[in-house]
Amino acid sequence: MARPYSEQFIIALSKADPTRVGVQLGKVCVKANLPTTHVAKTFKVSRMSIHSWFRGQYVREQYYDRIVKFINKVNKDTDNRILPAMSIQDAKKYLEAIHIDNI
C-alpha cells in the first residue's frame, strides 16, 4: 500500500489542534490513504491549500461545510471497509467519484 504522507508530517498532524476542521480533514485523509494532490482536485483548491488546512490554518467559510461532509463520508466509508485506499489509483478513483457539492 502506498504511503503518501511522511512520518514527520503524521507526527506533526498528531500534535496539531484537533478542533480545527483542516486538521480533522488531514487525519481522515491519512487514515483513508487519500493523497493531497487528489484531495485538492476534489475541493478545487491547490495542494498548498490542503497542506495549510492540514496544519490548522484558516479554512474559508465556503469550504467549511463541504469539508465536514467529506470527513463524514470518508469516516463512513472507512467504517464500511471501502477505505483505506489500497493504492494511489484506488484513491484517485474514489475521489473522482465524489461530487463534493452533493454529499
Protein backbone atom coordinates (compact mmCIF):
# COMPACT_ATOMS: atom_id res chain seq x y z
CA MET A 1 0.00 0.00 0.00
CA ALA A 2 1.40 3.38 -0.99
CA ARG A 3 2.01 5.88 1.81
CA PRO A 4 1.53 9.43 0.55
CA TYR A 5 2.40 11.12 3.86
CA SER A 6 5.78 11.32 5.57
CA GLU A 7 6.32 10.12 9.10
CA GLN A 8 7.32 13.66 10.07
CA PHE A 9 4.02 15.02 8.72
CA ILE A 10 1.99 12.37 10.54
CA ILE A 11 3.71 13.24 13.83
CA ALA A 12 3.06 16.96 13.30
CA LEU A 13 -0.57 16.21 12.46
CA SER A 14 -0.99 14.23 15.67
CA LYS A 15 0.19 17.29 17.63
CA ALA A 16 -1.99 19.79 15.76
CA ASP A 17 -5.17 21.32 17.23
CA PRO A 18 -7.86 18.63 16.78
CA THR A 19 -10.66 21.21 16.92
CA ARG A 20 -9.57 22.70 13.58
CA VAL A 21 -11.57 21.29 10.67
CA GLY A 22 -8.49 21.18 8.44
CA VAL A 23 -6.62 19.07 10.98
CA GLN A 24 -9.61 16.74 11.16
CA LEU A 25 -9.54 16.56 7.36
CA GLY A 26 -5.84 15.72 7.44
CA LYS A 27 -6.35 12.93 9.93
CA VAL A 28 -9.11 11.25 7.92
CA CYS A 29 -7.10 11.59 4.70
CA VAL A 30 -4.10 9.91 6.34
CA LYS A 31 -6.30 7.18 7.81
CA ALA A 32 -8.03 6.61 4.46
CA ASN A 33 -4.77 6.86 2.47
CA LEU A 34 -6.06 9.72 0.31
CA PRO A 35 -3.20 11.80 -1.16
CA THR A 36 -3.27 15.59 -1.03
CA THR A 37 -2.97 16.02 -4.78
CA HIS A 38 -6.26 14.25 -5.39
CA VAL A 39 -7.97 15.73 -2.33
CA ALA A 40 -7.05 19.18 -3.69
CA LYS A 41 -8.68 18.34 -7.02
CA THR A 42 -11.80 17.19 -5.22
CA PHE A 43 -12.11 20.54 -3.43
CA LYS A 44 -10.88 22.52 -6.47
CA VAL A 45 -8.09 24.15 -4.46
CA SER A 46 -4.31 24.00 -4.58
CA ARG A 47 -2.29 21.28 -2.93
CA MET A 48 -0.74 24.01 -0.80
CA SER A 49 -4.20 25.00 0.47
CA ILE A 50 -4.80 21.40 1.54
CA HIS A 51 -1.45 21.29 3.33
CA SER A 52 -2.24 24.59 5.07
CA TRP A 53 -5.60 23.26 6.21
CA PHE A 54 -3.99 20.05 7.47
CA ARG A 55 -1.65 22.18 9.58
CA GLY A 56 -4.55 24.04 11.18
CA GLN A 57 -4.58 27.19 9.08
CA TYR A 58 -7.78 29.12 8.38
CA VAL A 59 -10.38 27.46 6.14
CA ARG A 60 -12.64 29.80 4.22
CA GLU A 61 -16.29 29.57 5.10
CA GLN A 62 -17.18 28.46 1.56
CA TYR A 63 -15.23 25.22 2.13
CA TYR A 64 -16.12 24.51 5.75
CA ASP A 65 -19.44 22.66 5.22
CA ARG A 66 -18.04 20.66 2.30
CA ILE A 67 -15.07 19.60 4.41
CA VAL A 68 -17.34 18.45 7.24
CA LYS A 69 -19.48 16.45 4.78
CA PHE A 70 -16.34 14.98 3.21
CA ILE A 71 -14.99 13.96 6.62
CA ASN A 72 -18.28 12.27 7.47
CA LYS A 73 -18.35 10.40 4.15
CA VAL A 74 -14.75 9.23 4.44
CA ASN A 75 -15.31 8.10 8.04
CA LYS A 76 -18.43 6.20 6.97
CA ASP A 77 -16.60 4.58 4.06
CA THR A 78 -13.70 3.68 6.36
CA ASP A 79 -16.14 2.07 8.80
CA ASN A 80 -17.69 0.16 5.88
CA ARG A 81 -14.22 -1.01 4.76
CA ILE A 82 -14.38 0.81 1.43
CA LEU A 83 -11.31 2.71 2.62
CA PRO A 84 -8.39 2.93 3.18
CA ALA A 85 -7.41 3.08 -0.46
CA MET A 86 -5.01 0.29 -1.29
CA SER A 87 -3.20 2.25 -4.00
CA ILE A 88 -2.89 5.74 -5.40
CA GLN A 89 -5.11 4.64 -8.31
CA ASP A 90 -7.80 3.42 -5.91
CA ALA A 91 -7.64 6.72 -4.03
CA LYS A 92 -7.90 8.67 -7.27
CA LYS A 93 -10.94 6.65 -8.42
CA TYR A 94 -12.61 7.08 -5.04
CA LEU A 95 -12.08 10.84 -5.01
CA GLU A 96 -13.10 11.30 -8.66
CA ALA A 97 -16.41 9.58 -7.87
CA ILE A 98 -17.18 12.09 -5.12
CA HIS A 99 -19.20 15.11 -6.11
CA ILE A 100 -18.32 17.31 -3.17
CA ASP A 101 -21.32 19.61 -3.64
CA ASN A 102 -23.68 16.64 -3.49
CA ILE A 103 -22.51 14.84 -0.36
